[in-house]
């Protein structure tokens, strides 16, 4: 995955390059997960998008957390999501 956040957390331009699995010990907050698992993350192939569209996407950080792979909704249960993501990561590696 290559892209930017629709509401950048830093003043300078930076681009994220990461694998699709979204499984990491560094991910510690709902907001962090949703910043890559929702349309808040603007993929490179979506450029350019309007400023209005960028503003709309910033609300996505507060959405329920859903698994990137199967779509299961974990609402605000971050610990449950993390457990599930580990299982999905192991299954994804076996494929």
PDB file of N, CA and C in Angstrom:
ATOM      1  N   UNK A   1       0.851  -1.168   0.000  1.00  0.00           N
ATOM      2  CA  UNK A   1       0.000   0.000   0.000  1.00  0.00           C
ATOM      3  C   UNK A   1       0.895   1.229   0.000  1.00  0.00           C
ATOM      4  N   UNK A   2       0.575   2.168  -0.875  1.00  0.00           N
ATOM      5  CA  UNK A   2       1.335   3.412  -0.968  1.00  0.00           C
ATOM      6  C   UNK A   2       0.329   4.549  -0.978  1.00  0.00           C
ATOM      7  N   UNK A   3       0.518   5.518  -0.078  1.00  0.00           N
ATOM      8  CA  UNK A   3      -0.386   6.657  -0.053  1.00  0.00           C
ATOM      9  C   UNK A   3      -0.107   7.599   1.093  1.00  0.00           C
ATOM     10  N   UNK A   4      -1.072   8.498   1.309  1.00  0.00           N
ATOM     11  CA  UNK A   4      -0.957   9.494   2.372  1.00  0.00           C
ATOM     12  C   UNK A   4      -2.226   9.465   3.219  1.00  0.00           C
ATOM     13  N   UNK A   5      -2.192  10.115   4.347  1.00  0.00           N
ATOM     14  CA  UNK A   5      -3.394  10.293   5.156  1.00  0.00           C
ATOM     15  C   UNK A   5      -4.126  11.551   4.696  1.00  0.00           C
ATOM     16  N   UNK A   6      -5.452  11.486   4.701  1.00  0.00           N
ATOM     17  CA  UNK A   6      -6.221  12.650   4.250  1.00  0.00           C
ATOM     18  C   UNK A   6      -6.120  13.804   5.236  1.00  0.00           C
ATOM     19  N   UNK A   7      -5.738  13.530   6.458  1.00  0.00           N
ATOM     20  CA  UNK A   7      -5.475  14.567   7.449  1.00  0.00           C
ATOM     21  C   UNK A   7      -4.089  14.335   8.001  1.00  0.00           C
ATOM     22  N   UNK A   8      -3.065  14.785   7.306  1.00  0.00           N
ATOM     23  CA  UNK A   8      -1.680  14.503   7.715  1.00  0.00           C
ATOM     24  C   UNK A   8      -1.390  14.916   9.159  1.00  0.00           C
ATOM     25  N   UNK A   9      -0.598  14.112   9.835  1.00  0.00           N
ATOM     26  CA  UNK A   9      -0.231  14.396  11.221  1.00  0.00           C
ATOM     27  C   UNK A   9       1.060  15.216  11.314  1.00  0.00           C
ATOM     28  N   UNK A  10       1.705  15.439  10.188  1.00  0.00           N
ATOM     29  CA  UNK A  10       2.953  16.207  10.162  1.00  0.00           C
ATOM     30  C   UNK A  10       2.825  17.314   9.125  1.00  0.00           C
ATOM     31  N   UNK A  11       3.604  18.363   9.282  1.00  0.00           N
ATOM     32  CA  UNK A  11       3.548  19.483   8.348  1.00  0.00           C
ATOM     33  C   UNK A  11       4.228  19.178   7.013  1.00  0.00           C
ATOM     34  N   UNK A  12       5.212  18.312   7.027  1.00  0.00           N
ATOM     35  CA  UNK A  12       5.911  18.015   5.782  1.00  0.00           C
ATOM     36  C   UNK A  12       5.236  16.849   5.048  1.00  0.00           C
ATOM     37  N   UNK A  13       5.388  16.820   3.747  1.00  0.00           N
ATOM     38  CA  UNK A  13       4.826  15.750   2.950  1.00  0.00           C
ATOM     39  C   UNK A  13       5.561  14.454   3.258  1.00  0.00           C
ATOM     40  N   UNK A  14       4.810  13.417   3.525  1.00  0.00           N
ATOM     41  CA  UNK A  14       5.402  12.101   3.687  1.00  0.00           C
ATOM     42  C   UNK A  14       4.440  11.078   3.109  1.00  0.00           C
ATOM     43  N   UNK A  15       4.995  10.030   2.562  1.00  0.00           N
ATOM     44  CA  UNK A  15       4.221   8.985   1.912  1.00  0.00           C
ATOM     45  C   UNK A  15       4.450   7.693   2.681  1.00  0.00           C
ATOM     46  N   UNK A  16       3.370   6.958   2.917  1.00  0.00           N
ATOM     47  CA  UNK A  16       3.460   5.679   3.610  1.00  0.00           C
ATOM     48  C   UNK A  16       3.582   4.550   2.597  1.00  0.00           C
ATOM     49  N   UNK A  17       4.470   3.619   2.865  1.00  0.00           N
ATOM     50  CA  UNK A  17       4.619   2.402   2.074  1.00  0.00           C
ATOM     51  C   UNK A  17       4.567   1.253   3.068  1.00  0.00           C
ATOM     52  N   UNK A  18       3.524   0.432   2.980  1.00  0.00           N
ATOM     53  CA  UNK A  18       3.383  -0.647   3.942  1.00  0.00           C
ATOM     54  C   UNK A  18       2.668  -1.836   3.323  1.00  0.00           C
ATOM     55  N   UNK A  19       2.791  -2.981   3.976  1.00  0.00           N
ATOM     56  CA  UNK A  19       2.114  -4.183   3.490  1.00  0.00           C
ATOM     57  C   UNK A  19       0.646  -4.119   3.885  1.00  0.00           C
ATOM     58  N   UNK A  20      -0.164  -4.898   3.216  1.00  0.00           N
ATOM     59  CA  UNK A  20      -1.609  -4.839   3.449  1.00  0.00           C
ATOM     60  C   UNK A  20      -2.041  -5.468   4.767  1.00  0.00           C
ATOM     61  N   UNK A  21      -1.203  -6.250   5.412  1.00  0.00           N
ATOM     62  CA  UNK A  21      -1.645  -7.026   6.571  1.00  0.00           C
ATOM     63  C   UNK A  21      -2.052  -6.197   7.785  1.00  0.00           C
ATOM     64  N   UNK A  22      -1.466  -5.020   7.962  1.00  0.00           N
ATOM     65  CA  UNK A  22      -1.777  -4.132   9.091  1.00  0.00           C
ATOM     66  C   UNK A  22      -1.629  -4.818  10.445  1.00  0.00           C
ATOM     67  N   UNK A  23      -0.698  -5.743  10.534  1.00  0.00           N
ATOM     68  CA  UNK A  23      -0.432  -6.443  11.782  1.00  0.00           C
ATOM     69  C   UNK A  23       0.942  -6.022  12.278  1.00  0.00           C
ATOM     70  N   UNK A  24       0.965  -5.335  13.404  1.00  0.00           N
ATOM     71  CA  UNK A  24       2.225  -4.857  13.951  1.00  0.00           C
ATOM     72  C   UNK A  24       2.066  -4.580  15.436  1.00  0.00           C
ATOM     73  N   UNK A  25       3.116  -4.841  16.192  1.00  0.00           N
ATOM     74  CA  UNK A  25       3.103  -4.503  17.613  1.00  0.00           C
ATOM     75  C   UNK A  25       3.099  -2.989  17.799  1.00  0.00           C
ATOM     76  N   UNK A  26       3.516  -2.258  16.782  1.00  0.00           N
ATOM     77  CA  UNK A  26       3.568  -0.791  16.865  1.00  0.00           C
ATOM     78  C   UNK A  26       2.178  -0.162  16.788  1.00  0.00           C
ATOM     79  N   UNK A  27       1.213  -0.906  16.261  1.00  0.00           N
ATOM     80  CA  UNK A  27      -0.148  -0.371  16.158  1.00  0.00           C
ATOM     81  C   UNK A  27      -0.825  -0.524  17.524  1.00  0.00           C
ATOM     82  N   UNK A  28      -1.061   0.594  18.191  1.00  0.00           N
ATOM     83  CA  UNK A  28      -1.548   0.542  19.565  1.00  0.00           C
ATOM     84  C   UNK A  28      -2.884   1.233  19.796  1.00  0.00           C
ATOM     85  N   UNK A  29      -3.441   1.859  18.768  1.00  0.00           N
ATOM     86  CA  UNK A  29      -4.660   2.630  18.972  1.00  0.00           C
ATOM     87  C   UNK A  29      -5.640   2.446  17.821  1.00  0.00           C
ATOM     88  N   UNK A  30      -6.909   2.560  18.129  1.00  0.00           N
ATOM     89  CA  UNK A  30      -7.971   2.481  17.129  1.00  0.00           C
ATOM     90  C   UNK A  30      -7.724   3.474  15.989  1.00  0.00           C
ATOM     91  N   UNK A  31      -7.379   4.695  16.355  1.00  0.00           N
ATOM     92  CA  UNK A  31      -7.136   5.748  15.368  1.00  0.00           C
ATOM     93  C   UNK A  31      -6.014   5.341  14.418  1.00  0.00           C
ATOM     94  N   UNK A  32      -4.988   4.707  14.953  1.00  0.00           N
ATOM     95  CA  UNK A  32      -3.859   4.281  14.126  1.00  0.00           C
ATOM     96  C   UNK A  32      -4.306   3.215  13.127  1.00  0.00           C
ATOM     97  N   UNK A  33      -5.076   2.231  13.591  1.00  0.00           N
ATOM     98  CA  UNK A  33      -5.564   1.185  12.685  1.00  0.00           C
ATOM     99  C   UNK A  33      -6.440   1.793  11.593  1.00  0.00           C
ATOM    100  N   UNK A  34      -7.409   2.613  11.990  1.00  0.00           N
ATOM    101  CA  UNK A  34      -8.332   3.195  11.017  1.00  0.00           C
ATOM    102  C   UNK A  34      -7.647   4.152  10.049  1.00  0.00           C
ATOM    103  N   UNK A  35      -6.504   4.692  10.444  1.00  0.00           N
ATOM    104  CA  UNK A  35      -5.807   5.601   9.536  1.00  0.00           C
ATOM    105  C   UNK A  35      -5.258   4.863   8.309  1.00  0.00           C
ATOM    106  N   UNK A  36      -5.167   3.531   8.398  1.00  0.00           N
ATOM    107  CA  UNK A  36      -4.715   2.731   7.259  1.00  0.00           C
ATOM    108  C   UNK A  36      -5.787   1.780   6.738  1.00  0.00           C
ATOM    109  N   UNK A  37      -6.839   1.528   7.516  1.00  0.00           N
ATOM    110  CA  UNK A  37      -7.850   0.527   7.139  1.00  0.00           C
ATOM    111  C   UNK A  37      -9.141   1.135   6.594  1.00  0.00           C
ATOM    112  N   UNK A  38      -9.210   2.449   6.507  1.00  0.00           N
ATOM    113  CA  UNK A  38     -10.394   3.122   5.953  1.00  0.00           C
ATOM    114  C   UNK A  38      -9.954   4.019   4.801  1.00  0.00           C
ATOM    115  N   UNK A  39     -10.899   4.695   4.204  1.00  0.00           N
ATOM    116  CA  UNK A  39     -10.576   5.620   3.114  1.00  0.00           C
ATOM    117  C   UNK A  39      -9.884   6.887   3.617  1.00  0.00           C
ATOM    118  N   UNK A  40      -9.605   6.973   4.928  1.00  0.00           N
ATOM    119  CA  UNK A  40      -8.757   8.048   5.445  1.00  0.00           C
ATOM    120  C   UNK A  40      -7.380   7.946   4.780  1.00  0.00           C
ATOM    121  N   UNK A  41      -6.976   6.708   4.476  1.00  0.00           N
ATOM    122  CA  UNK A  41      -5.733   6.461   3.759  1.00  0.00           C
ATOM    123  C   UNK A  41      -6.004   6.643   2.271  1.00  0.00           C
ATOM    124  N   UNK A  42      -5.381   7.622   1.672  1.00  0.00           N
ATOM    125  CA  UNK A  42      -5.585   7.951   0.262  1.00  0.00           C
ATOM    126  C   UNK A  42      -4.493   7.242  -0.540  1.00  0.00           C
ATOM    127  N   UNK A  43      -4.896   6.256  -1.304  1.00  0.00           N
ATOM    128  CA  UNK A  43      -3.932   5.501  -2.105  1.00  0.00           C
ATOM    129  C   UNK A  43      -3.395   6.351  -3.249  1.00  0.00           C
ATOM    130  N   UNK A  44      -2.181   6.056  -3.622  1.00  0.00           N
ATOM    131  CA  UNK A  44      -1.512   6.810  -4.667  1.00  0.00           C
ATOM    132  C   UNK A  44      -2.333   6.861  -5.960  1.00  0.00           C
ATOM    133  N   UNK A  45      -3.002   5.761  -6.307  1.00  0.00           N
ATOM    134  CA  UNK A  45      -3.778   5.740  -7.555  1.00  0.00           C
ATOM    135  C   UNK A  45      -5.069   6.554  -7.473  1.00  0.00           C
ATOM    136  N   UNK A  46      -5.406   7.097  -6.299  1.00  0.00           N
ATOM    137  CA  UNK A  46      -6.592   7.946  -6.138  1.00  0.00           C
ATOM    138  C   UNK A  46      -6.285   9.434  -6.351  1.00  0.00           C
ATOM    139  N   UNK A  47      -5.018   9.783  -6.430  1.00  0.00           N
ATOM    140  CA  UNK A  47      -4.632  11.182  -6.596  1.00  0.00           C
ATOM    141  C   UNK A  47      -5.036  11.697  -7.961  1.00  0.00           C
ATOM    142  N   UNK A  48      -5.309  12.958  -8.093  1.00  0.00           N
ATOM    143  CA  UNK A  48      -5.524  13.894  -6.987  1.00  0.00           C
ATOM    144  C   UNK A  48      -6.966  13.817  -6.507  1.00  0.00           C
ATOM    145  N   UNK A  49      -7.195  14.151  -5.246  1.00  0.00           N
ATOM    146  CA  UNK A  49      -8.557  14.283  -4.729  1.00  0.00           C
ATOM    147  C   UNK A  49      -8.736  15.721  -4.250  1.00  0.00           C
ATOM    148  N   UNK A  50      -9.968  16.154  -4.232  1.00  0.00           N
ATOM    149  CA  UNK A  50     -10.244  17.554  -3.891  1.00  0.00           C
ATOM    150  C   UNK A  50     -10.042  17.811  -2.399  1.00  0.00           C
ATOM    151  N   UNK A  51      -9.870  19.068  -2.053  1.00  0.00           N
ATOM    152  CA  UNK A  51      -9.750  19.438  -0.641  1.00  0.00           C
ATOM    153  C   UNK A  51     -11.021  19.073   0.112  1.00  0.00           C
ATOM    154  N   UNK A  52     -12.172  19.227  -0.536  1.00  0.00           N
ATOM    155  CA  UNK A  52     -13.444  18.858   0.095  1.00  0.00           C
ATOM    156  C   UNK A  52     -13.468  17.364   0.417  1.00  0.00           C
ATOM    157  N   UNK A  53     -13.006  16.548  -0.521  1.00  0.00           N
ATOM    158  CA  UNK A  53     -12.942  15.102  -0.295  1.00  0.00           C
ATOM    159  C   UNK A  53     -11.972  14.782   0.837  1.00  0.00           C
ATOM    160  N   UNK A  54     -10.854  15.472   0.902  1.00  0.00           N
ATOM    161  CA  UNK A  54      -9.891  15.267   1.991  1.00  0.00           C
ATOM    162  C   UNK A  54     -10.550  15.552   3.333  1.00  0.00           C
ATOM    163  N   UNK A  55     -11.318  16.640   3.422  1.00  0.00           N
ATOM    164  CA  UNK A  55     -11.993  16.992   4.677  1.00  0.00           C
ATOM    165  C   UNK A  55     -13.015  15.924   5.065  1.00  0.00           C
ATOM    166  N   UNK A  56     -13.769  15.408   4.110  1.00  0.00           N
ATOM    167  CA  UNK A  56     -14.772  14.381   4.393  1.00  0.00           C
ATOM    168  C   UNK A  56     -14.130  13.133   4.990  1.00  0.00           C
ATOM    169  N   UNK A  57     -12.985  12.781   4.463  1.00  0.00           N
ATOM    170  CA  UNK A  57     -12.330  11.539   4.882  1.00  0.00           C
ATOM    171  C   UNK A  57     -11.780  11.597   6.304  1.00  0.00           C
ATOM    172  N   UNK A  58     -11.565  12.781   6.848  1.00  0.00           N
ATOM    173  CA  UNK A  58     -10.980  12.862   8.195  1.00  0.00           C
ATOM    174  C   UNK A  58     -11.909  12.299   9.263  1.00  0.00           C
ATOM    175  N   UNK A  59     -13.205  12.213   9.004  1.00  0.00           N
ATOM    176  CA  UNK A  59     -14.146  11.660   9.985  1.00  0.00           C
ATOM    177  C   UNK A  59     -14.029  10.144  10.100  1.00  0.00           C
ATOM    178  N   UNK A  60     -13.352   9.504   9.180  1.00  0.00           N
ATOM    179  CA  UNK A  60     -13.279   8.054   9.145  1.00  0.00           C
ATOM    180  C   UNK A  60     -12.483   7.446  10.292  1.00  0.00           C
ATOM    181  N   UNK A  61     -11.682   8.230  10.964  1.00  0.00           N
ATOM    182  CA  UNK A  61     -10.893   7.702  12.082  1.00  0.00           C
ATOM    183  C   UNK A  61     -11.778   7.243  13.235  1.00  0.00           C
ATOM    184  N   UNK A  62     -12.997   7.757  13.303  1.00  0.00           N
ATOM    185  CA  UNK A  62     -13.899   7.424  14.407  1.00  0.00           C
ATOM    186  C   UNK A  62     -14.844   6.280  14.067  1.00  0.00           C
ATOM    187  N   UNK A  63     -14.731   5.720  12.873  1.00  0.00           N
ATOM    188  CA  UNK A  63     -15.584   4.600  12.484  1.00  0.00           C
ATOM    189  C   UNK A  63     -15.237   3.352  13.280  1.00  0.00           C
ATOM    190  N   UNK A  64     -16.160   2.374  13.254  1.00  0.00           N
ATOM    191  CA  UNK A  64     -15.869   1.070  13.842  1.00  0.00           C
ATOM    192  C   UNK A  64     -14.648   0.479  13.154  1.00  0.00           C
ATOM    193  N   UNK A  65     -13.925  -0.365  13.885  1.00  0.00           N
ATOM    194  CA  UNK A  65     -12.770  -1.036  13.310  1.00  0.00           C
ATOM    195  C   UNK A  65     -13.225  -2.321  12.632  1.00  0.00           C
ATOM    196  N   UNK A  66     -12.822  -2.501  11.383  1.00  0.00           N
ATOM    197  CA  UNK A  66     -13.187  -3.684  10.614  1.00  0.00           C
ATOM    198  C   UNK A  66     -11.924  -4.349  10.104  1.00  0.00           C
ATOM    199  N   UNK A  67     -11.935  -5.674  10.118  1.00  0.00           N
ATOM    200  CA  UNK A  67     -10.786  -6.434   9.632  1.00  0.00           C
ATOM    201  C   UNK A  67     -10.522  -6.118   8.172  1.00  0.00           C
ATOM    202  N   UNK A  68      -9.273  -5.887   7.840  1.00  0.00           N
ATOM    203  CA  UNK A  68      -8.859  -5.561   6.473  1.00  0.00           C
ATOM    204  C   UNK A  68      -9.117  -6.720   5.531  1.00  0.00           C
ATOM    205  N   UNK A  69      -9.158  -7.938   6.072  1.00  0.00           N
ATOM    206  CA  UNK A  69      -9.219  -9.121   5.215  1.00  0.00           C
ATOM    207  C   UNK A  69     -10.630  -9.691   5.084  1.00  0.00           C
ATOM    208  N   UNK A  70     -11.333  -9.864   6.195  1.00  0.00           N
ATOM    209  CA  UNK A  70     -12.643 -10.524   6.149  1.00  0.00           C
ATOM    210  C   UNK A  70     -13.799  -9.556   6.360  1.00  0.00           C
ATOM    211  N   UNK A  71     -13.499  -8.346   6.835  1.00  0.00           N
ATOM    212  CA  UNK A  71     -14.537  -7.343   7.026  1.00  0.00           C
ATOM    213  C   UNK A  71     -15.289  -7.434   8.341  1.00  0.00           C
ATOM    214  N   UNK A  72     -14.915  -8.379   9.214  1.00  0.00           N
ATOM    215  CA  UNK A  72     -15.611  -8.497  10.506  1.00  0.00           C
ATOM    216  C   UNK A  72     -15.504  -7.184  11.277  1.00  0.00           C
ATOM    217  N   UNK A  73     -16.612  -6.765  11.867  1.00  0.00           N
ATOM    218  CA  UNK A  73     -16.683  -5.506  12.600  1.00  0.00           C
ATOM    219  C   UNK A  73     -16.363  -5.742  14.072  1.00  0.00           C
ATOM    220  N   UNK A  74     -15.377  -5.036  14.590  1.00  0.00           N
ATOM    221  CA  UNK A  74     -14.978  -5.145  15.987  1.00  0.00           C
ATOM    222  C   UNK A  74     -15.395  -3.924  16.801  1.00  0.00           C
ATOM    223  N   UNK A  75     -16.221  -3.063  16.192  1.00  0.00           N
ATOM    224  CA  UNK A  75     -16.699  -1.837  16.837  1.00  0.00           C
ATOM    225  C   UNK A  75     -15.525  -1.092  17.448  1.00  0.00           C
ATOM    226  N   UNK A  76     -15.489  -0.935  18.766  1.00  0.00           N
ATOM    227  CA  UNK A  76     -14.369  -0.230  19.411  1.00  0.00           C
ATOM    228  C   UNK A  76     -13.506  -1.175  20.248  1.00  0.00           C
ATOM    229  N   UNK A  77     -13.592  -2.479  19.997  1.00  0.00           N
ATOM    230  CA  UNK A  77     -12.859  -3.489  20.778  1.00  0.00           C
ATOM    231  C   UNK A  77     -11.489  -3.744  20.149  1.00  0.00           C
ATOM    232  N   UNK A  78     -10.558  -2.876  20.471  1.00  0.00           N
ATOM    233  CA  UNK A  78      -9.236  -2.921  19.857  1.00  0.00           C
ATOM    234  C   UNK A  78      -8.473  -4.200  20.195  1.00  0.00           C
ATOM    235  N   UNK A  79      -8.555  -4.652  21.442  1.00  0.00           N
ATOM    236  CA  UNK A  79      -7.840  -5.872  21.840  1.00  0.00           C
ATOM    237  C   UNK A  79      -8.330  -7.070  21.047  1.00  0.00           C
ATOM    238  N   UNK A  80      -9.631  -7.173  20.866  1.00  0.00           N
ATOM    239  CA  UNK A  80     -10.210  -8.275  20.076  1.00  0.00           C
ATOM    240  C   UNK A  80      -9.753  -8.185  18.620  1.00  0.00           C
ATOM    241  N   UNK A  81      -9.733  -6.984  18.085  1.00  0.00           N
ATOM    242  CA  UNK A  81      -9.266  -6.799  16.715  1.00  0.00           C
ATOM    243  C   UNK A  81      -7.820  -7.260  16.588  1.00  0.00           C
ATOM    244  N   UNK A  82      -6.964  -6.866  17.515  1.00  0.00           N
ATOM    245  CA  UNK A  82      -5.548  -7.247  17.452  1.00  0.00           C
ATOM    246  C   UNK A  82      -5.385  -8.768  17.479  1.00  0.00           C
ATOM    247  N   UNK A  83      -6.154  -9.446  18.324  1.00  0.00           N
ATOM    248  CA  UNK A  83      -6.095 -10.917  18.372  1.00  0.00           C
ATOM    249  C   UNK A  83      -6.507 -11.502  17.023  1.00  0.00           C
ATOM    250  N   UNK A  84      -7.576 -10.965  16.466  1.00  0.00           N
ATOM    251  CA  UNK A  84      -8.080 -11.432  15.182  1.00  0.00           C
ATOM    252  C   UNK A  84      -7.067 -11.163  14.069  1.00  0.00           C
ATOM    253  N   UNK A  85      -6.438  -9.994  14.077  1.00  0.00           N
ATOM    254  CA  UNK A  85      -5.458  -9.658  13.047  1.00  0.00           C
ATOM    255  C   UNK A  85      -4.261 -10.608  13.071  1.00  0.00           C
ATOM    256  N   UNK A  86      -3.886 -11.047  14.253  1.00  0.00           N
ATOM    257  CA  UNK A  86      -2.783 -12.016  14.338  1.00  0.00           C
ATOM    258  C   UNK A  86      -3.181 -13.320  13.653  1.00  0.00           C
ATOM    259  N   UNK A  87      -4.417 -13.779  13.891  1.00  0.00           N
ATOM    260  CA  UNK A  87      -4.908 -14.999  13.231  1.00  0.00           C
ATOM    261  C   UNK A  87      -4.966 -14.801  11.717  1.00  0.00           C
ATOM    262  N   UNK A  88      -5.481 -13.680  11.282  1.00  0.00           N
ATOM    263  CA  UNK A  88      -5.572 -13.401   9.851  1.00  0.00           C
ATOM    264  C   UNK A  88      -4.194 -13.302   9.213  1.00  0.00           C
ATOM    265  N   UNK A  89      -3.250 -12.726   9.934  1.00  0.00           N
ATOM    266  CA  UNK A  89      -1.886 -12.598   9.421  1.00  0.00           C
ATOM    267  C   UNK A  89      -1.269 -13.975   9.194  1.00  0.00           C
ATOM    268  N   UNK A  90      -1.441 -14.863  10.162  1.00  0.00           N
ATOM    269  CA  UNK A  90      -0.894 -16.223  10.022  1.00  0.00           C
ATOM    270  C   UNK A  90      -1.562 -16.951   8.859  1.00  0.00           C
ATOM    271  N   UNK A  91      -2.869 -16.820   8.703  1.00  0.00           N
ATOM    272  CA  UNK A  91      -3.585 -17.464   7.589  1.00  0.00           C
ATOM    273  C   UNK A  91      -3.123 -16.874   6.253  1.00  0.00           C
ATOM    274  N   UNK A  92      -2.938 -15.562   6.220  1.00  0.00           N
ATOM    275  CA  UNK A  92      -2.506 -14.875   4.996  1.00  0.00           C
ATOM    276  C   UNK A  92      -1.112 -15.344   4.572  1.00  0.00           C
ATOM    277  N   UNK A  93      -0.206 -15.543   5.535  1.00  0.00           N
ATOM    278  CA  UNK A  93       1.146 -16.003   5.226  1.00  0.00           C
ATOM    279  C   UNK A  93       1.137 -17.419   4.634  1.00  0.00           C
ATOM    280  N   UNK A  94       0.189 -18.260   5.081  1.00  0.00           N
ATOM    281  CA  UNK A  94       0.116 -19.636   4.592  1.00  0.00           C
ATOM    282  C   UNK A  94      -0.407 -19.731   3.163  1.00  0.00           C
ATOM    283  N   UNK A  95      -1.059 -18.696   2.702  1.00  0.00           N
ATOM    284  CA  UNK A  95      -1.659 -18.747   1.354  1.00  0.00           C
ATOM    285  C   UNK A  95      -0.634 -18.613   0.257  1.00  0.00           C
TER     286      UNK A  95
END
